[in-house]
Amino acid sequence: MAEPSVRFEPGEWYWVAERESVGFTGTTNLGMVEFLITSEALTQLLDPDRDMLDSETALEVFADFEEHIHRIAQREFVKRLGGEPPILLTTADVEE
């Protein structure tokens, strides 16, 4: 089985207030890559009919959906051929 292009360590995430996003990093053969997933995308994962999440709830949602978010990040990293970090994951990315 081929090694994934990005590997993630569970539990390594943090709130990025100025971007209203949760940040996390992945490791590639070329080094670290930064990712951000917006609060809106996390809301979409939790409940599309819900209003925005506060930072504490956003971190809880990230923890609950971490494995799924890592799969989305892996897919988007490959689809975007790496791209300029941080790689921003939005509602469009979680809806696919």
C-alpha atoms as a PDB file:
ATOM      1  CA  MET A   1       0.000   0.000   0.000  1.00  0.00           C
ATOM      2  CA  ALA A   2       1.318   3.453  -0.902  1.00  0.00           C
ATOM      3  CA  GLU A   3       2.233   5.870   1.862  1.00  0.00           C
ATOM      4  CA  PRO A   4      -0.146   8.864   2.091  1.00  0.00           C
ATOM      5  CA  SER A   5       1.226  12.134   0.765  1.00  0.00           C
ATOM      6  CA  VAL A   6       0.318  13.876   4.049  1.00  0.00           C
ATOM      7  CA  ARG A   7       0.403  12.298   7.489  1.00  0.00           C
ATOM      8  CA  PHE A   8      -1.343  13.758  10.548  1.00  0.00           C
ATOM      9  CA  GLU A   9      -0.817  13.398  14.291  1.00  0.00           C
ATOM     10  CA  PRO A  10      -4.126  13.163  16.157  1.00  0.00           C
ATOM     11  CA  GLY A  11      -4.816  15.865  18.736  1.00  0.00           C
ATOM     12  CA  GLU A  12      -2.501  18.476  17.225  1.00  0.00           C
ATOM     13  CA  TRP A  13      -4.890  21.368  16.500  1.00  0.00           C
ATOM     14  CA  TYR A  14      -5.400  24.931  17.705  1.00  0.00           C
ATOM     15  CA  TRP A  15      -7.767  27.877  17.324  1.00  0.00           C
ATOM     16  CA  VAL A  16      -6.708  30.656  14.922  1.00  0.00           C
ATOM     17  CA  ALA A  17      -8.789  33.643  16.048  1.00  0.00           C
ATOM     18  CA  GLU A  18      -7.895  36.028  13.217  1.00  0.00           C
ATOM     19  CA  ARG A  19      -9.091  33.453  10.644  1.00  0.00           C
ATOM     20  CA  GLU A  20     -11.975  32.021  12.747  1.00  0.00           C
ATOM     21  CA  SER A  21     -10.558  28.599  11.938  1.00  0.00           C
ATOM     22  CA  VAL A  22      -8.935  25.579  13.496  1.00  0.00           C
ATOM     23  CA  GLY A  23      -5.339  25.090  12.440  1.00  0.00           C
ATOM     24  CA  PHE A  24      -3.509  21.800  12.179  1.00  0.00           C
ATOM     25  CA  THR A  25      -0.390  20.529  10.458  1.00  0.00           C
ATOM     26  CA  GLY A  26       0.480  17.589   8.296  1.00  0.00           C
ATOM     27  CA  THR A  27       3.841  16.107   7.456  1.00  0.00           C
ATOM     28  CA  THR A  28       4.944  15.376   3.895  1.00  0.00           C
ATOM     29  CA  ASN A  29       8.193  14.052   2.494  1.00  0.00           C
ATOM     30  CA  LEU A  30       9.136  17.704   1.924  1.00  0.00           C
ATOM     31  CA  GLY A  31       8.271  18.910   5.439  1.00  0.00           C
ATOM     32  CA  MET A  32       5.376  20.378   7.388  1.00  0.00           C
ATOM     33  CA  VAL A  33       2.232  21.746   5.730  1.00  0.00           C
ATOM     34  CA  GLU A  34      -0.242  24.009   7.520  1.00  0.00           C
ATOM     35  CA  PHE A  35      -3.998  23.576   7.147  1.00  0.00           C
ATOM     36  CA  LEU A  36      -6.949  25.644   8.330  1.00  0.00           C
ATOM     37  CA  ILE A  37     -10.573  24.549   8.449  1.00  0.00           C
ATOM     38  CA  THR A  38     -13.073  27.364   8.807  1.00  0.00           C
ATOM     39  CA  SER A  39     -15.636  27.601  11.554  1.00  0.00           C
ATOM     40  CA  GLU A  40     -18.297  27.556   8.821  1.00  0.00           C
ATOM     41  CA  ALA A  41     -16.982  24.216   7.523  1.00  0.00           C
ATOM     42  CA  LEU A  42     -17.007  22.783  11.042  1.00  0.00           C
ATOM     43  CA  THR A  43     -20.582  23.999  11.467  1.00  0.00           C
ATOM     44  CA  GLN A  44     -21.474  22.228   8.212  1.00  0.00           C
ATOM     45  CA  LEU A  45     -20.004  18.975   9.556  1.00  0.00           C
ATOM     46  CA  LEU A  46     -21.917  19.270  12.816  1.00  0.00           C
ATOM     47  CA  ASP A  47     -25.287  20.585  11.640  1.00  0.00           C
ATOM     48  CA  PRO A  48     -25.838  22.601   8.442  1.00  0.00           C
ATOM     49  CA  ASP A  49     -28.893  24.288   9.999  1.00  0.00           C
ATOM     50  CA  ARG A  50     -26.959  25.579  13.006  1.00  0.00           C
ATOM     51  CA  ASP A  51     -25.586  29.093  13.404  1.00  0.00           C
ATOM     52  CA  MET A  52     -21.858  29.696  13.681  1.00  0.00           C
ATOM     53  CA  LEU A  53     -19.779  27.967  16.353  1.00  0.00           C
ATOM     54  CA  ASP A  54     -17.791  29.699  19.071  1.00  0.00           C
ATOM     55  CA  SER A  55     -14.096  28.795  19.341  1.00  0.00           C
ATOM     56  CA  GLU A  56     -14.557  26.252  22.133  1.00  0.00           C
ATOM     57  CA  THR A  57     -17.324  24.415  20.293  1.00  0.00           C
ATOM     58  CA  ALA A  58     -15.346  24.558  17.030  1.00  0.00           C
ATOM     59  CA  LEU A  59     -12.416  22.808  18.734  1.00  0.00           C
ATOM     60  CA  GLU A  60     -14.777  20.167  20.144  1.00  0.00           C
ATOM     61  CA  VAL A  61     -16.274  19.574  16.696  1.00  0.00           C
ATOM     62  CA  PHE A  62     -12.783  19.293  15.215  1.00  0.00           C
ATOM     63  CA  ALA A  63     -11.902  16.663  17.836  1.00  0.00           C
ATOM     64  CA  ASP A  64     -15.101  14.730  17.098  1.00  0.00           C
ATOM     65  CA  PHE A  65     -14.549  14.784  13.326  1.00  0.00           C
ATOM     66  CA  GLU A  66     -10.740  14.773  13.309  1.00  0.00           C
ATOM     67  CA  GLU A  67     -10.273  11.557  11.328  1.00  0.00           C
ATOM     68  CA  HIS A  68     -12.779  12.712   8.692  1.00  0.00           C
ATOM     69  CA  ILE A  69     -11.173  16.174   8.514  1.00  0.00           C
ATOM     70  CA  HIS A  70      -7.766  14.576   7.981  1.00  0.00           C
ATOM     71  CA  ARG A  71      -9.190  12.584   5.045  1.00  0.00           C
ATOM     72  CA  ILE A  72     -10.622  15.796   3.569  1.00  0.00           C
ATOM     73  CA  ALA A  73      -7.280  17.563   4.066  1.00  0.00           C
ATOM     74  CA  GLN A  74      -5.428  14.657   2.405  1.00  0.00           C
ATOM     75  CA  ARG A  75      -7.794  14.764  -0.582  1.00  0.00           C
ATOM     76  CA  GLU A  76      -7.544  18.545  -0.929  1.00  0.00           C
ATOM     77  CA  PHE A  77      -3.744  18.503  -0.627  1.00  0.00           C
ATOM     78  CA  VAL A  78      -3.523  16.022  -3.510  1.00  0.00           C
ATOM     79  CA  LYS A  79      -6.216  17.816  -5.553  1.00  0.00           C
ATOM     80  CA  ARG A  80      -4.486  21.187  -5.154  1.00  0.00           C
ATOM     81  CA  LEU A  81      -1.026  19.709  -5.797  1.00  0.00           C
ATOM     82  CA  GLY A  82       0.151  21.019  -2.467  1.00  0.00           C
ATOM     83  CA  GLY A  83      -0.730  24.641  -3.002  1.00  0.00           C
ATOM     84  CA  GLU A  84       0.290  27.654  -0.969  1.00  0.00           C
ATOM     85  CA  PRO A  85       0.083  27.030   2.763  1.00  0.00           C
ATOM     86  CA  PRO A  86      -1.952  27.292   4.775  1.00  0.00           C
ATOM     87  CA  ILE A  87      -4.347  25.138   2.816  1.00  0.00           C
ATOM     88  CA  LEU A  88      -7.797  26.472   3.660  1.00  0.00           C
ATOM     89  CA  LEU A  89     -10.647  23.988   3.959  1.00  0.00           C
ATOM     90  CA  THR A  90     -14.097  25.548   3.570  1.00  0.00           C
ATOM     91  CA  THR A  91     -17.717  24.386   3.448  1.00  0.00           C
ATOM     92  CA  ALA A  92     -17.280  23.507  -0.250  1.00  0.00           C
ATOM     93  CA  ASP A  93     -14.564  21.017   0.702  1.00  0.00           C
ATOM     94  CA  VAL A  94     -16.590  19.250   3.399  1.00  0.00           C
ATOM     95  CA  GLU A  95     -19.686  18.981   1.193  1.00  0.00           C
ATOM     96  CA  GLU A  96     -17.918  16.822  -1.442  1.00  0.00           C
END
